[in-house]
């Protein structure tokens, strides 16, 4: 089946898509994106993703495209045109500064990557040192070079992810948020640090609080992480996955991560979690 994408109000075969060489997303990395997961043909937590995307547009002074207001309809049609109706799938929406103040909106869908199933069983990571934070870390911009390079370096070493460490404090993964469990408490780095406010991160925190499980935002060191009772990573595609190795050192394993993963998965039947 020919892959179809959505570009500025039109559904087009992917090989007929044309984006201007003067698009500011191409020239300067001036844009934002959201990666989402569809369950049985329905995008999970779509409203939360669109809220974050619109917030990013406001911060970066990109006029939000009018299509964002009807993305549920657009993405449903996109999945159907790609033979993914009723199936689990990868969905991405990108908004750039476009040309002459007119933003570009691009959306595409595809089957989930084959590597996802293996990573769900456990993620092996290495650490990557940062000299300083980045003032736009809280926005999911298309200026993803740093994250891309750190992840490529991890993969070159046969690992799945790189954990970013700045001044001894662990921040997040290149495409994941990080949680650790210690003495009955669940701890994740605070948003005051240069990290992304992940959608799955927020849903998991709300889920834990509703179940009465202590969950707090605190900075912690690599040494703290290595001594944790267990740790896990979250993002929209991976959901909740155990962190099983850091810099060649095996992490402790427990049943808590698996339980959180089951609870999260149970929410995915609704497009409006919690």
C-alpha atoms as a PDB file:
ATOM      1  CA  UNK A   1       0.000   0.000   0.000  1.00  0.00           C
ATOM      2  CA  UNK A   2       1.276   3.464  -0.925  1.00  0.00           C
ATOM      3  CA  UNK A   3       2.049   5.566   2.147  1.00  0.00           C
ATOM      4  CA  UNK A   4      -0.071   8.709   2.463  1.00  0.00           C
ATOM      5  CA  UNK A   5       0.808  11.830   4.445  1.00  0.00           C
ATOM      6  CA  UNK A   6      -1.139  14.937   5.406  1.00  0.00           C
ATOM      7  CA  UNK A   7       0.393  18.264   4.375  1.00  0.00           C
ATOM      8  CA  UNK A   8      -1.246  21.648   4.886  1.00  0.00           C
ATOM      9  CA  UNK A   9      -4.818  20.437   4.480  1.00  0.00           C
ATOM     10  CA  UNK A  10      -4.267  17.781   1.813  1.00  0.00           C
ATOM     11  CA  UNK A  11      -3.730  14.014   1.841  1.00  0.00           C
ATOM     12  CA  UNK A  12      -0.949  13.134  -0.590  1.00  0.00           C
ATOM     13  CA  UNK A  13       1.123  10.085  -1.577  1.00  0.00           C
ATOM     14  CA  UNK A  14       4.415  10.440   0.263  1.00  0.00           C
ATOM     15  CA  UNK A  15       6.445  10.572  -2.948  1.00  0.00           C
ATOM     16  CA  UNK A  16       4.425  13.554  -4.186  1.00  0.00           C
ATOM     17  CA  UNK A  17       4.979  15.692  -1.104  1.00  0.00           C
ATOM     18  CA  UNK A  18       6.898  18.922  -1.680  1.00  0.00           C
ATOM     19  CA  UNK A  19       8.120  21.249   1.067  1.00  0.00           C
ATOM     20  CA  UNK A  20       9.741  24.548   0.138  1.00  0.00           C
ATOM     21  CA  UNK A  21      13.537  24.731   0.411  1.00  0.00           C
ATOM     22  CA  UNK A  22      12.884  28.061   2.139  1.00  0.00           C
ATOM     23  CA  UNK A  23      10.791  26.493   4.909  1.00  0.00           C
ATOM     24  CA  UNK A  24      12.202  27.728   8.213  1.00  0.00           C
ATOM     25  CA  UNK A  25      11.911  24.230   9.675  1.00  0.00           C
ATOM     26  CA  UNK A  26      14.401  22.985   7.068  1.00  0.00           C
ATOM     27  CA  UNK A  27      16.644  26.043   7.179  1.00  0.00           C
ATOM     28  CA  UNK A  28      16.804  26.631  10.923  1.00  0.00           C
ATOM     29  CA  UNK A  29      15.141  23.728  12.739  1.00  0.00           C
ATOM     30  CA  UNK A  30      12.368  26.201  13.587  1.00  0.00           C
ATOM     31  CA  UNK A  31       9.502  23.906  14.473  1.00  0.00           C
ATOM     32  CA  UNK A  32       7.893  21.479  16.879  1.00  0.00           C
ATOM     33  CA  UNK A  33       6.590  17.942  16.736  1.00  0.00           C
ATOM     34  CA  UNK A  34       4.562  15.407  18.657  1.00  0.00           C
ATOM     35  CA  UNK A  35       5.067  11.650  18.524  1.00  0.00           C
ATOM     36  CA  UNK A  36       1.957   9.689  19.455  1.00  0.00           C
ATOM     37  CA  UNK A  37       0.722   6.136  19.561  1.00  0.00           C
ATOM     38  CA  UNK A  38      -2.565   4.932  18.160  1.00  0.00           C
ATOM     39  CA  UNK A  39      -4.278   1.984  19.836  1.00  0.00           C
ATOM     40  CA  UNK A  40      -6.704   0.099  17.638  1.00  0.00           C
ATOM     41  CA  UNK A  41      -6.830   3.057  15.268  1.00  0.00           C
ATOM     42  CA  UNK A  42      -7.360   5.748  17.905  1.00  0.00           C
ATOM     43  CA  UNK A  43      -4.651   8.160  19.020  1.00  0.00           C
ATOM     44  CA  UNK A  44      -4.126   8.043  22.770  1.00  0.00           C
ATOM     45  CA  UNK A  45      -3.986  11.299  24.767  1.00  0.00           C
ATOM     46  CA  UNK A  46      -4.344  13.364  21.604  1.00  0.00           C
ATOM     47  CA  UNK A  47      -5.710  16.416  23.413  1.00  0.00           C
ATOM     48  CA  UNK A  48      -2.683  16.487  25.746  1.00  0.00           C
ATOM     49  CA  UNK A  49      -0.293  16.283  22.818  1.00  0.00           C
ATOM     50  CA  UNK A  50      -2.099  19.041  20.946  1.00  0.00           C
ATOM     51  CA  UNK A  51      -2.102  21.264  24.040  1.00  0.00           C
ATOM     52  CA  UNK A  52       1.666  20.876  24.326  1.00  0.00           C
ATOM     53  CA  UNK A  53       2.114  21.536  20.611  1.00  0.00           C
ATOM     54  CA  UNK A  54      -0.027  24.686  20.719  1.00  0.00           C
ATOM     55  CA  UNK A  55       1.856  25.915  23.793  1.00  0.00           C
ATOM     56  CA  UNK A  56       5.124  25.415  21.960  1.00  0.00           C
ATOM     57  CA  UNK A  57       3.787  27.364  18.978  1.00  0.00           C
ATOM     58  CA  UNK A  58       2.925  30.268  21.255  1.00  0.00           C
ATOM     59  CA  UNK A  59       6.369  30.251  22.873  1.00  0.00           C
ATOM     60  CA  UNK A  60       8.159  30.115  19.520  1.00  0.00           C
ATOM     61  CA  UNK A  61       5.762  32.631  17.909  1.00  0.00           C
ATOM     62  CA  UNK A  62       4.608  30.174  15.230  1.00  0.00           C
ATOM     63  CA  UNK A  63       0.960  30.782  14.235  1.00  0.00           C
ATOM     64  CA  UNK A  64      -0.858  27.515  15.157  1.00  0.00           C
ATOM     65  CA  UNK A  65      -2.233  25.977  11.920  1.00  0.00           C
ATOM     66  CA  UNK A  66      -6.034  25.836  11.837  1.00  0.00           C
ATOM     67  CA  UNK A  67      -5.865  22.079  11.171  1.00  0.00           C
ATOM     68  CA  UNK A  68      -4.749  21.519  14.770  1.00  0.00           C
ATOM     69  CA  UNK A  69      -8.342  22.115  15.862  1.00  0.00           C
ATOM     70  CA  UNK A  70      -9.523  19.034  13.983  1.00  0.00           C
ATOM     71  CA  UNK A  71      -6.556  16.683  14.355  1.00  0.00           C
ATOM     72  CA  UNK A  72      -8.690  13.824  15.675  1.00  0.00           C
ATOM     73  CA  UNK A  73     -10.573  13.778  12.375  1.00  0.00           C
ATOM     74  CA  UNK A  74      -7.401  14.279  10.324  1.00  0.00           C
ATOM     75  CA  UNK A  75      -5.429  11.522  12.050  1.00  0.00           C
ATOM     76  CA  UNK A  76      -8.318   9.078  11.917  1.00  0.00           C
ATOM     77  CA  UNK A  77      -8.512   9.584   8.147  1.00  0.00           C
ATOM     78  CA  UNK A  78      -4.715   9.362   7.862  1.00  0.00           C
ATOM     79  CA  UNK A  79      -4.610   6.021   9.660  1.00  0.00           C
ATOM     80  CA  UNK A  80      -7.376   4.673   7.467  1.00  0.00           C
ATOM     81  CA  UNK A  81      -5.650   5.783   4.259  1.00  0.00           C
ATOM     82  CA  UNK A  82      -2.484   3.997   5.397  1.00  0.00           C
ATOM     83  CA  UNK A  83      -4.267   0.727   6.181  1.00  0.00           C
ATOM     84  CA  UNK A  84      -3.870   1.247   9.921  1.00  0.00           C
ATOM     85  CA  UNK A  85      -7.519   1.675  10.912  1.00  0.00           C
ATOM     86  CA  UNK A  86      -8.191  -0.481  13.964  1.00  0.00           C
ATOM     87  CA  UNK A  87      -4.481  -1.124  14.492  1.00  0.00           C
ATOM     88  CA  UNK A  88      -1.706   0.070  16.781  1.00  0.00           C
ATOM     89  CA  UNK A  89       0.516   2.584  15.005  1.00  0.00           C
ATOM     90  CA  UNK A  90       3.104   5.349  15.179  1.00  0.00           C
ATOM     91  CA  UNK A  91       1.798   8.868  14.477  1.00  0.00           C
ATOM     92  CA  UNK A  92       3.771  12.094  14.182  1.00  0.00           C
ATOM     93  CA  UNK A  93       2.598  15.684  13.712  1.00  0.00           C
ATOM     94  CA  UNK A  94       5.142  18.385  12.834  1.00  0.00           C
ATOM     95  CA  UNK A  95       4.598  22.154  12.676  1.00  0.00           C
ATOM     96  CA  UNK A  96       7.310  24.449  11.345  1.00  0.00           C
ATOM     97  CA  UNK A  97       7.694  28.181  10.837  1.00  0.00           C
ATOM     98  CA  UNK A  98       7.042  27.613   7.138  1.00  0.00           C
ATOM     99  CA  UNK A  99       7.574  30.395   4.615  1.00  0.00           C
ATOM    100  CA  UNK A 100       6.620  34.044   4.937  1.00  0.00           C
ATOM    101  CA  UNK A 101       4.858  33.568   8.259  1.00  0.00           C
ATOM    102  CA  UNK A 102       2.665  30.750   6.928  1.00  0.00           C
ATOM    103  CA  UNK A 103       3.340  27.618   9.025  1.00  0.00           C
ATOM    104  CA  UNK A 104       3.761  24.147   7.600  1.00  0.00           C
ATOM    105  CA  UNK A 105       1.828  21.243   9.123  1.00  0.00           C
ATOM    106  CA  UNK A 106       2.855  17.695   8.252  1.00  0.00           C
ATOM    107  CA  UNK A 107       1.427  14.476   9.702  1.00  0.00           C
ATOM    108  CA  UNK A 108       2.250  10.868   8.926  1.00  0.00           C
ATOM    109  CA  UNK A 109       1.574   7.417  10.328  1.00  0.00           C
ATOM    110  CA  UNK A 110       3.270   4.060  10.029  1.00  0.00           C
ATOM    111  CA  UNK A 111       3.363   0.671  11.773  1.00  0.00           C
ATOM    112  CA  UNK A 112       5.126   0.500  15.136  1.00  0.00           C
ATOM    113  CA  UNK A 113       8.888  -0.180  14.838  1.00  0.00           C
ATOM    114  CA  UNK A 114       9.971  -3.787  15.233  1.00  0.00           C
ATOM    115  CA  UNK A 115      12.509  -2.819  17.907  1.00  0.00           C
ATOM    116  CA  UNK A 116       9.773  -1.642  20.283  1.00  0.00           C
ATOM    117  CA  UNK A 117       8.864  -5.122  21.513  1.00  0.00           C
ATOM    118  CA  UNK A 118      12.467  -5.867  22.527  1.00  0.00           C
ATOM    119  CA  UNK A 119      12.875  -2.550  24.334  1.00  0.00           C
ATOM    120  CA  UNK A 120       9.646  -3.141  26.249  1.00  0.00           C
ATOM    121  CA  UNK A 121      11.374  -6.092  27.908  1.00  0.00           C
ATOM    122  CA  UNK A 122      14.130  -3.828  29.187  1.00  0.00           C
ATOM    123  CA  UNK A 123      16.207  -0.844  28.098  1.00  0.00           C
ATOM    124  CA  UNK A 124      19.995  -0.846  28.273  1.00  0.00           C
ATOM    125  CA  UNK A 125      21.480   2.630  28.535  1.00  0.00           C
ATOM    126  CA  UNK A 126      24.716   4.524  28.741  1.00  0.00           C
ATOM    127  CA  UNK A 127      25.216   7.973  30.229  1.00  0.00           C
ATOM    128  CA  UNK A 128      25.985  11.068  28.182  1.00  0.00           C
ATOM    129  CA  UNK A 129      27.434  14.133  29.868  1.00  0.00           C
ATOM    130  CA  UNK A 130      26.085  17.615  29.191  1.00  0.00           C
ATOM    131  CA  UNK A 131      28.171  20.692  29.904  1.00  0.00           C
ATOM    132  CA  UNK A 132      25.102  22.875  30.391  1.00  0.00           C
ATOM    133  CA  UNK A 133      21.341  22.865  30.061  1.00  0.00           C
ATOM    134  CA  UNK A 134      19.326  24.125  27.128  1.00  0.00           C
ATOM    135  CA  UNK A 135      16.727  26.834  27.541  1.00  0.00           C
ATOM    136  CA  UNK A 136      14.294  25.148  25.107  1.00  0.00           C
ATOM    137  CA  UNK A 137      14.573  21.667  26.624  1.00  0.00           C
ATOM    138  CA  UNK A 138      10.956  21.869  27.803  1.00  0.00           C
ATOM    139  CA  UNK A 139       9.737  22.193  24.191  1.00  0.00           C
ATOM    140  CA  UNK A 140       9.698  19.316  21.715  1.00  0.00           C
ATOM    141  CA  UNK A 141      11.368  21.263  18.944  1.00  0.00           C
ATOM    142  CA  UNK A 142      12.661  19.935  15.643  1.00  0.00           C
ATOM    143  CA  UNK A 143      16.135  21.154  16.670  1.00  0.00           C
ATOM    144  CA  UNK A 144      16.904  17.630  17.837  1.00  0.00           C
ATOM    145  CA  UNK A 145      20.537  17.354  16.832  1.00  0.00           C
ATOM    146  CA  UNK A 146      21.974  16.961  20.345  1.00  0.00           C
ATOM    147  CA  UNK A 147      19.509  14.229  21.278  1.00  0.00           C
ATOM    148  CA  UNK A 148      19.961  12.511  17.931  1.00  0.00           C
ATOM    149  CA  UNK A 149      23.738  12.428  18.240  1.00  0.00           C
ATOM    150  CA  UNK A 150      23.694  11.128  21.820  1.00  0.00           C
ATOM    151  CA  UNK A 151      21.253   8.395  20.848  1.00  0.00           C
ATOM    152  CA  UNK A 152      23.332   7.445  17.800  1.00  0.00           C
ATOM    153  CA  UNK A 153      26.403   7.193  20.036  1.00  0.00           C
ATOM    154  CA  UNK A 154      24.516   4.868  22.399  1.00  0.00           C
ATOM    155  CA  UNK A 155      23.319   2.688  19.536  1.00  0.00           C
ATOM    156  CA  UNK A 156      26.862   2.506  18.149  1.00  0.00           C
ATOM    157  CA  UNK A 157      27.828   0.969  21.506  1.00  0.00           C
ATOM    158  CA  UNK A 158      25.034  -1.597  21.201  1.00  0.00           C
ATOM    159  CA  UNK A 159      22.684   0.111  23.674  1.00  0.00           C
ATOM    160  CA  UNK A 160      19.137   1.406  23.380  1.00  0.00           C
ATOM    161  CA  UNK A 161      19.273   4.812  25.024  1.00  0.00           C
ATOM    162  CA  UNK A 162      21.515   7.534  26.441  1.00  0.00           C
ATOM    163  CA  UNK A 163      20.739   9.115  29.801  1.00  0.00           C
ATOM    164  CA  UNK A 164      21.699  12.772  29.929  1.00  0.00           C
ATOM    165  CA  UNK A 165      23.722  13.804  32.987  1.00  0.00           C
ATOM    166  CA  UNK A 166      24.545  17.425  33.844  1.00  0.00           C
ATOM    167  CA  UNK A 167      26.749  18.349  36.801  1.00  0.00           C
ATOM    168  CA  UNK A 168      26.177  14.898  38.287  1.00  0.00           C
ATOM    169  CA  UNK A 169      22.379  15.110  38.062  1.00  0.00           C
ATOM    170  CA  UNK A 170      20.497  12.679  35.810  1.00  0.00           C
ATOM    171  CA  UNK A 171      17.980  14.493  33.618  1.00  0.00           C
ATOM    172  CA  UNK A 172      16.232  12.195  31.126  1.00  0.00           C
ATOM    173  CA  UNK A 173      16.857   9.977  28.137  1.00  0.00           C
ATOM    174  CA  UNK A 174      17.260  11.288  24.599  1.00  0.00           C
ATOM    175  CA  UNK A 175      13.655  10.327  23.878  1.00  0.00           C
ATOM    176  CA  UNK A 176      12.382   9.159  27.260  1.00  0.00           C
ATOM    177  CA  UNK A 177      11.583  10.430  30.744  1.00  0.00           C
ATOM    178  CA  UNK A 178      13.138   8.697  33.730  1.00  0.00           C
ATOM    179  CA  UNK A 179      11.699   7.394  37.007  1.00  0.00           C
ATOM    180  CA  UNK A 180      13.362   5.537  39.855  1.00  0.00           C
ATOM    181  CA  UNK A 181      11.870   3.658  42.799  1.00  0.00           C
ATOM    182  CA  UNK A 182      13.553   3.866  46.181  1.00  0.00           C
ATOM    183  CA  UNK A 183      12.231   2.814  49.605  1.00  0.00           C
ATOM    184  CA  UNK A 184       8.626   2.783  48.417  1.00  0.00           C
ATOM    185  CA  UNK A 185       8.818   6.201  46.724  1.00  0.00           C
ATOM    186  CA  UNK A 186       8.719   6.935  43.005  1.00  0.00           C
ATOM    187  CA  UNK A 187      11.007   9.814  42.026  1.00  0.00           C
ATOM    188  CA  UNK A 188      11.362  11.641  38.706  1.00  0.00           C
ATOM    189  CA  UNK A 189      13.484  14.713  37.860  1.00  0.00           C
ATOM    190  CA  UNK A 190      11.600  18.026  38.271  1.00  0.00           C
ATOM    191  CA  UNK A 191      10.584  20.294  35.405  1.00  0.00           C
ATOM    192  CA  UNK A 192      12.817  22.998  36.876  1.00  0.00           C
ATOM    193  CA  UNK A 193      15.652  21.028  35.267  1.00  0.00           C
ATOM    194  CA  UNK A 194      16.121  21.154  31.470  1.00  0.00           C
ATOM    195  CA  UNK A 195      13.859  18.202  30.660  1.00  0.00           C
ATOM    196  CA  UNK A 196      10.825  17.639  28.477  1.00  0.00           C
ATOM    197  CA  UNK A 197       7.428  17.509  30.235  1.00  0.00           C
ATOM    198  CA  UNK A 198       6.549  14.179  28.645  1.00  0.00           C
ATOM    199  CA  UNK A 199       2.895  13.340  28.100  1.00  0.00           C
ATOM    200  CA  UNK A 200       3.381   9.757  29.280  1.00  0.00           C
ATOM    201  CA  UNK A 201       5.412  11.061  32.238  1.00  0.00           C
ATOM    202  CA  UNK A 202       2.468  13.217  33.320  1.00  0.00           C
ATOM    203  CA  UNK A 203      -0.077  10.439  32.885  1.00  0.00           C
ATOM    204  CA  UNK A 204       2.045   8.018  34.925  1.00  0.00           C
ATOM    205  CA  UNK A 205       2.466  10.579  37.719  1.00  0.00           C
ATOM    206  CA  UNK A 206      -1.294  11.183  37.837  1.00  0.00           C
ATOM    207  CA  UNK A 207      -1.914   7.441  37.815  1.00  0.00           C
ATOM    208  CA  UNK A 208       0.420   6.864  40.768  1.00  0.00           C
ATOM    209  CA  UNK A 209      -1.084   9.710  42.784  1.00  0.00           C
ATOM    210  CA  UNK A 210      -4.615   8.439  42.188  1.00  0.00           C
ATOM    211  CA  UNK A 211      -3.528   5.040  43.497  1.00  0.00           C
ATOM    212  CA  UNK A 212      -1.998   6.623  46.607  1.00  0.00           C
ATOM    213  CA  UNK A 213       1.571   5.717  45.655  1.00  0.00           C
ATOM    214  CA  UNK A 214       4.088   8.382  46.750  1.00  0.00           C
ATOM    215  CA  UNK A 215       5.441  10.079  43.644  1.00  0.00           C
ATOM    216  CA  UNK A 216       7.597  13.191  43.787  1.00  0.00           C
ATOM    217  CA  UNK A 217       9.769  15.375  41.605  1.00  0.00           C
ATOM    218  CA  UNK A 218      13.303  15.547  42.944  1.00  0.00           C
ATOM    219  CA  UNK A 219      16.743  15.835  41.404  1.00  0.00           C
ATOM    220  CA  UNK A 220      18.946  12.767  41.844  1.00  0.00           C
ATOM    221  CA  UNK A 221      22.458  11.738  40.917  1.00  0.00           C
ATOM    222  CA  UNK A 222      23.734   8.861  38.846  1.00  0.00           C
ATOM    223  CA  UNK A 223      24.862   7.199  42.071  1.00  0.00           C
ATOM    224  CA  UNK A 224      21.299   7.473  43.423  1.00  0.00           C
ATOM    225  CA  UNK A 225      19.953   5.885  40.260  1.00  0.00           C
ATOM    226  CA  UNK A 226      22.392   2.996  40.370  1.00  0.00           C
ATOM    227  CA  UNK A 227      21.336   2.261  43.964  1.00  0.00           C
ATOM    228  CA  UNK A 228      17.597   2.424  43.193  1.00  0.00           C
ATOM    229  CA  UNK A 229      15.328  -0.533  43.887  1.00  0.00           C
ATOM    230  CA  UNK A 230      14.281  -0.336  40.233  1.00  0.00           C
ATOM    231  CA  UNK A 231      13.923   2.264  37.492  1.00  0.00           C
ATOM    232  CA  UNK A 232      11.857   2.740  34.363  1.00  0.00           C
ATOM    233  CA  UNK A 233      11.563   4.927  31.289  1.00  0.00           C
ATOM    234  CA  UNK A 234       8.451   6.352  29.645  1.00  0.00           C
ATOM    235  CA  UNK A 235       7.368   7.763  26.307  1.00  0.00           C
ATOM    236  CA  UNK A 236       4.316   7.491  24.085  1.00  0.00           C
ATOM    237  CA  UNK A 237       5.585   4.577  21.976  1.00  0.00           C
ATOM    238  CA  UNK A 238       7.499   2.685  24.641  1.00  0.00           C
ATOM    239  CA  UNK A 239       4.819   3.281  27.289  1.00  0.00           C
ATOM    240  CA  UNK A 240       6.522   2.088  30.509  1.00  0.00           C
ATOM    241  CA  UNK A 241       9.703   0.018  30.189  1.00  0.00           C
ATOM    242  CA  UNK A 242      12.199  -1.167  32.804  1.00  0.00           C
ATOM    243  CA  UNK A 243      15.699   0.284  32.806  1.00  0.00           C
ATOM    244  CA  UNK A 244      17.839  -2.810  33.205  1.00  0.00           C
ATOM    245  CA  UNK A 245      21.384  -1.602  32.593  1.00  0.00           C
ATOM    246  CA  UNK A 246      23.337   1.665  32.876  1.00  0.00           C
ATOM    247  CA  UNK A 247      26.961   1.917  31.700  1.00  0.00           C
ATOM    248  CA  UNK A 248      27.278  -1.860  31.800  1.00  0.00           C
ATOM    249  CA  UNK A 249      25.975  -2.145  35.340  1.00  0.00           C
ATOM    250  CA  UNK A 250      22.813  -4.165  35.838  1.00  0.00           C
ATOM    251  CA  UNK A 251      19.971  -2.402  37.600  1.00  0.00           C
ATOM    252  CA  UNK A 252      17.882  -4.026  40.308  1.00  0.00           C
ATOM    253  CA  UNK A 253      14.607  -5.481  39.106  1.00  0.00           C
ATOM    254  CA  UNK A 254      11.245  -5.629  40.832  1.00  0.00           C
ATOM    255  CA  UNK A 255       7.590  -6.012  40.062  1.00  0.00           C
ATOM    256  CA  UNK A 256       6.611  -2.373  40.423  1.00  0.00           C
ATOM    257  CA  UNK A 257       7.503  -1.331  36.869  1.00  0.00           C
ATOM    258  CA  UNK A 258       5.484  -4.183  35.428  1.00  0.00           C
ATOM    259  CA  UNK A 259       2.503  -3.204  37.561  1.00  0.00           C
ATOM    260  CA  UNK A 260       2.699   0.445  36.437  1.00  0.00           C
ATOM    261  CA  UNK A 261       2.946  -0.720  32.844  1.00  0.00           C
ATOM    262  CA  UNK A 262      -0.233  -2.771  33.195  1.00  0.00           C
ATOM    263  CA  UNK A 263      -2.074   0.138  34.801  1.00  0.00           C
ATOM    264  CA  UNK A 264      -0.949   2.507  32.052  1.00  0.00           C
ATOM    265  CA  UNK A 265      -1.931   0.062  29.344  1.00  0.00           C
ATOM    266  CA  UNK A 266      -5.397  -0.209  30.852  1.00  0.00           C
ATOM    267  CA  UNK A 267      -5.859   3.526  30.263  1.00  0.00           C
ATOM    268  CA  UNK A 268      -5.104   3.360  26.565  1.00  0.00           C
ATOM    269  CA  UNK A 269      -8.643   2.324  25.641  1.00  0.00           C
ATOM    270  CA  UNK A 270      -9.645   5.951  26.149  1.00  0.00           C
ATOM    271  CA  UNK A 271      -8.416   8.964  24.185  1.00  0.00           C
ATOM    272  CA  UNK A 272      -8.842  11.062  27.348  1.00  0.00           C
ATOM    273  CA  UNK A 273      -6.782   9.421  30.146  1.00  0.00           C
ATOM    274  CA  UNK A 274      -7.710  10.045  33.781  1.00  0.00           C
END
